[in-house]
Amino acid sequence: MASLMDVRNMLALQGRMEASQLSAALNLPRPLLDAMLSRMEAMGKARRTQEDVESCLNGSCKRCPEGKACLREWWMLR
């Protein structure tokens, strides 16, 4: 089982990653990883960023019925 240090090390090595990528790389269940990332964010060790709406290639995010489901959320160290 991976620890907070493993999550931090993976983010340090990769620069930024999506939670699904981290989950697969560390072989952690997604709810556990989400809790770890939230804890790291609360401690000020990690931050979450989202891509701009302008980066959508076809511009359909504004009309997306899922409410901008195509936006990707990235995690990185502070």
PDB file of N, CA and C in Angstrom:
ATOM      1  N   MET A   1       0.858  -1.179   0.000  1.00  0.00           N
ATOM      2  CA  MET A   1       0.000   0.000   0.000  1.00  0.00           C
ATOM      3  C   MET A   1       0.894   1.228   0.000  1.00  0.00           C
ATOM      4  N   ALA A   2       0.603   2.155  -0.851  1.00  0.00           N
ATOM      5  CA  ALA A   2       1.380   3.383  -0.987  1.00  0.00           C
ATOM      6  C   ALA A   2       1.039   4.361   0.143  1.00  0.00           C
ATOM      7  N   SER A   3       2.000   5.185   0.476  1.00  0.00           N
ATOM      8  CA  SER A   3       1.821   6.176   1.530  1.00  0.00           C
ATOM      9  C   SER A   3       1.778   7.580   0.922  1.00  0.00           C
ATOM     10  N   LEU A   4       1.580   8.575   1.788  1.00  0.00           N
ATOM     11  CA  LEU A   4       1.600   9.955   1.322  1.00  0.00           C
ATOM     12  C   LEU A   4       2.961  10.301   0.720  1.00  0.00           C
ATOM     13  N   MET A   5       4.008   9.734   1.259  1.00  0.00           N
ATOM     14  CA  MET A   5       5.355   9.974   0.722  1.00  0.00           C
ATOM     15  C   MET A   5       5.472   9.425  -0.697  1.00  0.00           C
ATOM     16  N   ASP A   6       4.869   8.274  -0.951  1.00  0.00           N
ATOM     17  CA  ASP A   6       4.899   7.704  -2.303  1.00  0.00           C
ATOM     18  C   ASP A   6       4.150   8.598  -3.292  1.00  0.00           C
ATOM     19  N   VAL A   7       3.029   9.145  -2.857  1.00  0.00           N
ATOM     20  CA  VAL A   7       2.263  10.052  -3.710  1.00  0.00           C
ATOM     21  C   VAL A   7       3.087  11.303  -3.981  1.00  0.00           C
ATOM     22  N   ARG A   8       3.704  11.863  -2.930  1.00  0.00           N
ATOM     23  CA  ARG A   8       4.542  13.048  -3.093  1.00  0.00           C
ATOM     24  C   ARG A   8       5.721  12.774  -4.021  1.00  0.00           C
ATOM     25  N   ASN A   9       6.368  11.635  -3.844  1.00  0.00           N
ATOM     26  CA  ASN A   9       7.508  11.290  -4.693  1.00  0.00           C
ATOM     27  C   ASN A   9       7.095  11.143  -6.158  1.00  0.00           C
ATOM     28  N   MET A  10       5.956  10.533  -6.396  1.00  0.00           N
ATOM     29  CA  MET A  10       5.483  10.363  -7.769  1.00  0.00           C
ATOM     30  C   MET A  10       5.196  11.718  -8.411  1.00  0.00           C
ATOM     31  N   LEU A  11       4.573  12.627  -7.654  1.00  0.00           N
ATOM     32  CA  LEU A  11       4.314  13.961  -8.179  1.00  0.00           C
ATOM     33  C   LEU A  11       5.615  14.721  -8.409  1.00  0.00           C
ATOM     34  N   ALA A  12       6.598  14.522  -7.543  1.00  0.00           N
ATOM     35  CA  ALA A  12       7.889  15.190  -7.708  1.00  0.00           C
ATOM     36  C   ALA A  12       8.596  14.685  -8.965  1.00  0.00           C
ATOM     37  N   LEU A  13       8.500  13.406  -9.237  1.00  0.00           N
ATOM     38  CA  LEU A  13       9.158  12.835 -10.411  1.00  0.00           C
ATOM     39  C   LEU A  13       8.463  13.215 -11.713  1.00  0.00           C
ATOM     40  N   GLN A  14       7.154  13.229 -11.705  1.00  0.00           N
ATOM     41  CA  GLN A  14       6.389  13.462 -12.937  1.00  0.00           C
ATOM     42  C   GLN A  14       6.054  14.932 -13.180  1.00  0.00           C
ATOM     43  N   GLY A  15       6.086  15.753 -12.160  1.00  0.00           N
ATOM     44  CA  GLY A  15       5.724  17.169 -12.313  1.00  0.00           C
ATOM     45  C   GLY A  15       4.254  17.416 -12.038  1.00  0.00           C
ATOM     46  N   ARG A  16       3.394  16.860 -12.861  1.00  0.00           N
ATOM     47  CA  ARG A  16       1.947  16.948 -12.631  1.00  0.00           C
ATOM     48  C   ARG A  16       1.308  15.694 -13.202  1.00  0.00           C
ATOM     49  N   MET A  17       0.239  15.265 -12.552  1.00  0.00           N
ATOM     50  CA  MET A  17      -0.461  14.055 -12.973  1.00  0.00           C
ATOM     51  C   MET A  17      -1.935  14.185 -12.633  1.00  0.00           C
ATOM     52  N   GLU A  18      -2.735  13.449 -13.362  1.00  0.00           N
ATOM     53  CA  GLU A  18      -4.148  13.335 -13.024  1.00  0.00           C
ATOM     54  C   GLU A  18      -4.293  12.277 -11.934  1.00  0.00           C
ATOM     55  N   ALA A  19      -5.370  12.365 -11.174  1.00  0.00           N
ATOM     56  CA  ALA A  19      -5.598  11.410 -10.096  1.00  0.00           C
ATOM     57  C   ALA A  19      -5.722   9.984 -10.638  1.00  0.00           C
ATOM     58  N   SER A  20      -6.329   9.824 -11.795  1.00  0.00           N
ATOM     59  CA  SER A  20      -6.468   8.478 -12.364  1.00  0.00           C
ATOM     60  C   SER A  20      -5.103   7.900 -12.739  1.00  0.00           C
ATOM     61  N   GLN A  21      -4.196   8.747 -13.235  1.00  0.00           N
ATOM     62  CA  GLN A  21      -2.843   8.292 -13.548  1.00  0.00           C
ATOM     63  C   GLN A  21      -2.096   7.896 -12.276  1.00  0.00           C
ATOM     64  N   LEU A  22      -2.227   8.712 -11.239  1.00  0.00           N
ATOM     65  CA  LEU A  22      -1.582   8.398  -9.962  1.00  0.00           C
ATOM     66  C   LEU A  22      -2.115   7.096  -9.384  1.00  0.00           C
ATOM     67  N   SER A  23      -3.414   6.930  -9.446  1.00  0.00           N
ATOM     68  CA  SER A  23      -4.051   5.731  -8.917  1.00  0.00           C
ATOM     69  C   SER A  23      -3.521   4.478  -9.614  1.00  0.00           C
ATOM     70  N   ALA A  24      -3.405   4.543 -10.919  1.00  0.00           N
ATOM     71  CA  ALA A  24      -2.905   3.393 -11.676  1.00  0.00           C
ATOM     72  C   ALA A  24      -1.419   3.150 -11.407  1.00  0.00           C
ATOM     73  N   ALA A  25      -0.637   4.223 -11.362  1.00  0.00           N
ATOM     74  CA  ALA A  25       0.806   4.080 -11.168  1.00  0.00           C
ATOM     75  C   ALA A  25       1.149   3.538  -9.784  1.00  0.00           C
ATOM     76  N   LEU A  26       0.389   3.939  -8.775  1.00  0.00           N
ATOM     77  CA  LEU A  26       0.670   3.509  -7.406  1.00  0.00           C
ATOM     78  C   LEU A  26      -0.178   2.323  -6.973  1.00  0.00           C
ATOM     79  N   ASN A  27      -1.064   1.872  -7.849  1.00  0.00           N
ATOM     80  CA  ASN A  27      -1.938   0.741  -7.552  1.00  0.00           C
ATOM     81  C   ASN A  27      -2.758   0.992  -6.285  1.00  0.00           C
ATOM     82  N   LEU A  28      -3.366   2.176  -6.245  1.00  0.00           N
ATOM     83  CA  LEU A  28      -4.208   2.573  -5.121  1.00  0.00           C
ATOM     84  C   LEU A  28      -5.648   2.710  -5.588  1.00  0.00           C
ATOM     85  N   PRO A  29      -6.612   2.350  -4.747  1.00  0.00           N
ATOM     86  CA  PRO A  29      -8.018   2.611  -5.094  1.00  0.00           C
ATOM     87  C   PRO A  29      -8.245   4.120  -5.173  1.00  0.00           C
ATOM     88  N   ARG A  30      -9.050   4.547  -6.109  1.00  0.00           N
ATOM     89  CA  ARG A  30      -9.272   5.970  -6.355  1.00  0.00           C
ATOM     90  C   ARG A  30      -9.801   6.716  -5.129  1.00  0.00           C
ATOM     91  N   PRO A  31     -10.764   6.162  -4.349  1.00  0.00           N
ATOM     92  CA  PRO A  31     -11.225   6.908  -3.165  1.00  0.00           C
ATOM     93  C   PRO A  31     -10.109   7.146  -2.141  1.00  0.00           C
ATOM     94  N   LEU A  32      -9.219   6.175  -1.975  1.00  0.00           N
ATOM     95  CA  LEU A  32      -8.106   6.345  -1.043  1.00  0.00           C
ATOM     96  C   LEU A  32      -7.147   7.416  -1.558  1.00  0.00           C
ATOM     97  N   LEU A  33      -6.853   7.395  -2.842  1.00  0.00           N
ATOM     98  CA  LEU A  33      -5.967   8.404  -3.416  1.00  0.00           C
ATOM     99  C   LEU A  33      -6.588   9.793  -3.317  1.00  0.00           C
ATOM    100  N   ASP A  34      -7.881   9.904  -3.572  1.00  0.00           N
ATOM    101  CA  ASP A  34      -8.554  11.201  -3.451  1.00  0.00           C
ATOM    102  C   ASP A  34      -8.443  11.741  -2.029  1.00  0.00           C
ATOM    103  N   ALA A  35      -8.579  10.871  -1.037  1.00  0.00           N
ATOM    104  CA  ALA A  35      -8.436  11.285   0.362  1.00  0.00           C
ATOM    105  C   ALA A  35      -7.007  11.734   0.650  1.00  0.00           C
ATOM    106  N   MET A  36      -6.037  11.015   0.116  1.00  0.00           N
ATOM    107  CA  MET A  36      -4.636  11.385   0.316  1.00  0.00           C
ATOM    108  C   MET A  36      -4.323  12.733  -0.335  1.00  0.00           C
ATOM    109  N   LEU A  37      -4.806  12.933  -1.552  1.00  0.00           N
ATOM    110  CA  LEU A  37      -4.563  14.192  -2.239  1.00  0.00           C
ATOM    111  C   LEU A  37      -5.257  15.353  -1.533  1.00  0.00           C
ATOM    112  N   SER A  38      -6.447  15.133  -1.020  1.00  0.00           N
ATOM    113  CA  SER A  38      -7.152  16.177  -0.274  1.00  0.00           C
ATOM    114  C   SER A  38      -6.390  16.539   0.992  1.00  0.00           C
ATOM    115  N   ARG A  39      -5.837  15.533   1.646  1.00  0.00           N
ATOM    116  CA  ARG A  39      -5.049  15.778   2.857  1.00  0.00           C
ATOM    117  C   ARG A  39      -3.773  16.558   2.522  1.00  0.00           C
ATOM    118  N   MET A  40      -3.117  16.187   1.437  1.00  0.00           N
ATOM    119  CA  MET A  40      -1.914  16.909   1.024  1.00  0.00           C
ATOM    120  C   MET A  40      -2.247  18.354   0.648  1.00  0.00           C
ATOM    121  N   GLU A  41      -3.417  18.556   0.041  1.00  0.00           N
ATOM    122  CA  GLU A  41      -3.848  19.906  -0.313  1.00  0.00           C
ATOM    123  C   GLU A  41      -4.118  20.719   0.955  1.00  0.00           C
ATOM    124  N   ALA A  42      -4.731  20.106   1.957  1.00  0.00           N
ATOM    125  CA  ALA A  42      -5.010  20.792   3.219  1.00  0.00           C
ATOM    126  C   ALA A  42      -3.718  21.151   3.954  1.00  0.00           C
ATOM    127  N   MET A  43      -2.703  20.321   3.821  1.00  0.00           N
ATOM    128  CA  MET A  43      -1.406  20.584   4.461  1.00  0.00           C
ATOM    129  C   MET A  43      -0.576  21.588   3.662  1.00  0.00           C
ATOM    130  N   GLY A  44      -1.015  21.944   2.469  1.00  0.00           N
ATOM    131  CA  GLY A  44      -0.286  22.884   1.646  1.00  0.00           C
ATOM    132  C   GLY A  44       0.860  22.262   0.870  1.00  0.00           C
ATOM    133  N   LYS A  45       0.849  20.959   0.691  1.00  0.00           N
ATOM    134  CA  LYS A  45       1.922  20.263  -0.008  1.00  0.00           C
ATOM    135  C   LYS A  45       1.624  20.029  -1.481  1.00  0.00           C
ATOM    136  N   ALA A  46       0.356  20.006  -1.853  1.00  0.00           N
ATOM    137  CA  ALA A  46      -0.035  19.758  -3.241  1.00  0.00           C
ATOM    138  C   ALA A  46      -1.145  20.732  -3.608  1.00  0.00           C
ATOM    139  N   ARG A  47      -1.298  20.939  -4.908  1.00  0.00           N
ATOM    140  CA  ARG A  47      -2.398  21.789  -5.369  1.00  0.00           C
ATOM    141  C   ARG A  47      -3.013  21.185  -6.616  1.00  0.00           C
ATOM    142  N   ARG A  48      -4.272  21.501  -6.804  1.00  0.00           N
ATOM    143  CA  ARG A  48      -5.039  20.996  -7.940  1.00  0.00           C
ATOM    144  C   ARG A  48      -5.248  22.135  -8.922  1.00  0.00           C
ATOM    145  N   THR A  49      -5.102  21.832 -10.194  1.00  0.00           N
ATOM    146  CA  THR A  49      -5.339  22.825 -11.236  1.00  0.00           C
ATOM    147  C   THR A  49      -6.214  22.200 -12.310  1.00  0.00           C
ATOM    148  N   GLN A  50      -6.909  23.044 -13.049  1.00  0.00           N
ATOM    149  CA  GLN A  50      -7.731  22.586 -14.163  1.00  0.00           C
ATOM    150  C   GLN A  50      -7.289  23.297 -15.422  1.00  0.00           C
ATOM    151  N   GLU A  51      -7.453  22.627 -16.543  1.00  0.00           N
ATOM    152  CA  GLU A  51      -7.155  23.253 -17.820  1.00  0.00           C
ATOM    153  C   GLU A  51      -8.179  24.332 -18.104  1.00  0.00           C
ATOM    154  N   ASP A  52      -7.768  25.324 -18.837  1.00  0.00           N
ATOM    155  CA  ASP A  52      -8.685  26.403 -19.221  1.00  0.00           C
ATOM    156  C   ASP A  52      -9.725  25.890 -20.203  1.00  0.00           C
ATOM    157  N   VAL A  53     -10.886  26.521 -20.174  1.00  0.00           N
ATOM    158  CA  VAL A  53     -11.943  26.173 -21.125  1.00  0.00           C
ATOM    159  C   VAL A  53     -11.474  26.480 -22.541  1.00  0.00           C
ATOM    160  N   GLU A  54     -10.601  27.468 -22.692  1.00  0.00           N
ATOM    161  CA  GLU A  54     -10.113  27.852 -24.013  1.00  0.00           C
ATOM    162  C   GLU A  54      -9.276  26.739 -24.646  1.00  0.00           C
ATOM    163  N   SER A  55      -8.783  25.809 -23.826  1.00  0.00           N
ATOM    164  CA  SER A  55      -7.935  24.750 -24.372  1.00  0.00           C
ATOM    165  C   SER A  55      -8.736  23.623 -25.025  1.00  0.00           C
ATOM    166  N   CYS A  56     -10.057  23.680 -24.949  1.00  0.00           N
ATOM    167  CA  CYS A  56     -10.889  22.674 -25.588  1.00  0.00           C
ATOM    168  C   CYS A  56     -10.771  22.821 -27.103  1.00  0.00           C
ATOM    169  N   LEU A  57     -10.421  21.756 -27.778  1.00  0.00           N
ATOM    170  CA  LEU A  57     -10.150  21.831 -29.210  1.00  0.00           C
ATOM    171  C   LEU A  57     -11.386  22.149 -30.043  1.00  0.00           C
ATOM    172  N   ASN A  58     -12.517  21.566 -29.672  1.00  0.00           N
ATOM    173  CA  ASN A  58     -13.698  21.781 -30.506  1.00  0.00           C
ATOM    174  C   ASN A  58     -14.653  22.818 -29.921  1.00  0.00           C
ATOM    175  N   GLY A  59     -14.355  23.366 -28.755  1.00  0.00           N
ATOM    176  CA  GLY A  59     -15.185  24.414 -28.167  1.00  0.00           C
ATOM    177  C   GLY A  59     -16.519  23.938 -27.637  1.00  0.00           C
ATOM    178  N   SER A  60     -16.726  22.644 -27.523  1.00  0.00           N
ATOM    179  CA  SER A  60     -18.029  22.137 -27.086  1.00  0.00           C
ATOM    180  C   SER A  60     -18.161  22.075 -25.567  1.00  0.00           C
ATOM    181  N   CYS A  61     -17.112  22.409 -24.819  1.00  0.00           N
ATOM    182  CA  CYS A  61     -17.198  22.345 -23.356  1.00  0.00           C
ATOM    183  C   CYS A  61     -18.279  23.268 -22.804  1.00  0.00           C
ATOM    184  N   LYS A  62     -18.462  24.401 -23.436  1.00  0.00           N
ATOM    185  CA  LYS A  62     -19.453  25.360 -22.952  1.00  0.00           C
ATOM    186  C   LYS A  62     -20.866  24.834 -23.129  1.00  0.00           C
ATOM    187  N   ARG A  63     -21.055  23.941 -24.087  1.00  0.00           N
ATOM    188  CA  ARG A  63     -22.385  23.377 -24.333  1.00  0.00           C
ATOM    189  C   ARG A  63     -22.485  21.933 -23.835  1.00  0.00           C
ATOM    190  N   CYS A  64     -21.497  21.495 -23.094  1.00  0.00           N
ATOM    191  CA  CYS A  64     -21.417  20.093 -22.659  1.00  0.00           C
ATOM    192  C   CYS A  64     -22.553  19.765 -21.678  1.00  0.00           C
ATOM    193  N   PRO A  65     -23.350  18.735 -21.950  1.00  0.00           N
ATOM    194  CA  PRO A  65     -24.454  18.389 -21.051  1.00  0.00           C
ATOM    195  C   PRO A  65     -23.965  17.866 -19.704  1.00  0.00           C
ATOM    196  N   GLU A  66     -22.742  17.373 -19.628  1.00  0.00           N
ATOM    197  CA  GLU A  66     -22.202  16.881 -18.362  1.00  0.00           C
ATOM    198  C   GLU A  66     -21.599  18.010 -17.525  1.00  0.00           C
ATOM    199  N   GLY A  67     -21.668  19.220 -17.982  1.00  0.00           N
ATOM    200  CA  GLY A  67     -21.137  20.340 -17.223  1.00  0.00           C
ATOM    201  C   GLY A  67     -19.627  20.382 -17.205  1.00  0.00           C
ATOM    202  N   LYS A  68     -19.027  20.503 -18.367  1.00  0.00           N
ATOM    203  CA  LYS A  68     -17.585  20.603 -18.521  1.00  0.00           C
ATOM    204  C   LYS A  68     -16.866  19.327 -18.081  1.00  0.00           C
ATOM    205  N   ALA A  69     -17.426  18.199 -18.420  1.00  0.00           N
ATOM    206  CA  ALA A  69     -16.829  16.917 -18.055  1.00  0.00           C
ATOM    207  C   ALA A  69     -15.513  16.667 -18.773  1.00  0.00           C
ATOM    208  N   CYS A  70     -15.263  17.401 -19.841  1.00  0.00           N
ATOM    209  CA  CYS A  70     -14.030  17.183 -20.584  1.00  0.00           C
ATOM    210  C   CYS A  70     -12.841  17.926 -19.961  1.00  0.00           C
ATOM    211  N   LEU A  71     -13.089  18.780 -18.973  1.00  0.00           N
ATOM    212  CA  LEU A  71     -11.987  19.471 -18.307  1.00  0.00           C
ATOM    213  C   LEU A  71     -11.170  18.469 -17.498  1.00  0.00           C
ATOM    214  N   ARG A  72      -9.876  18.569 -17.620  1.00  0.00           N
ATOM    215  CA  ARG A  72      -8.986  17.658 -16.900  1.00  0.00           C
ATOM    216  C   ARG A  72      -8.450  18.342 -15.654  1.00  0.00           C
ATOM    217  N   GLU A  73      -8.371  17.584 -14.575  1.00  0.00           N
ATOM    218  CA  GLU A  73      -7.874  18.102 -13.307  1.00  0.00           C
ATOM    219  C   GLU A  73      -6.493  17.512 -13.037  1.00  0.00           C
ATOM    220  N   TRP A  74      -5.525  18.360 -12.802  1.00  0.00           N
ATOM    221  CA  TRP A  74      -4.149  17.949 -12.581  1.00  0.00           C
ATOM    222  C   TRP A  74      -3.736  18.213 -11.145  1.00  0.00           C
ATOM    223  N   TRP A  75      -2.832  17.391 -10.626  1.00  0.00           N
ATOM    224  CA  TRP A  75      -2.263  17.581  -9.296  1.00  0.00           C
ATOM    225  C   TRP A  75      -0.777  17.823  -9.443  1.00  0.00           C
ATOM    226  N   MET A  76      -0.235  18.737  -8.637  1.00  0.00           N
ATOM    227  CA  MET A  76       1.194  19.014  -8.633  1.00  0.00           C
ATOM    228  C   MET A  76       1.616  19.457  -7.240  1.00  0.00           C
ATOM    229  N   LEU A  77       2.908  19.393  -6.990  1.00  0.00           N
ATOM    230  CA  LEU A  77       3.425  19.830  -5.711  1.00  0.00           C
ATOM    231  C   LEU A  77       3.493  21.353  -5.658  1.00  0.00           C
ATOM    232  N   ARG A  78       3.439  21.894  -4.465  1.00  0.00           N
ATOM    233  CA  ARG A  78       3.588  23.347  -4.293  1.00  0.00           C
ATOM    234  C   ARG A  78       5.033  23.683  -4.115  1.00  0.00           C
TER     235      ARG A  78
END
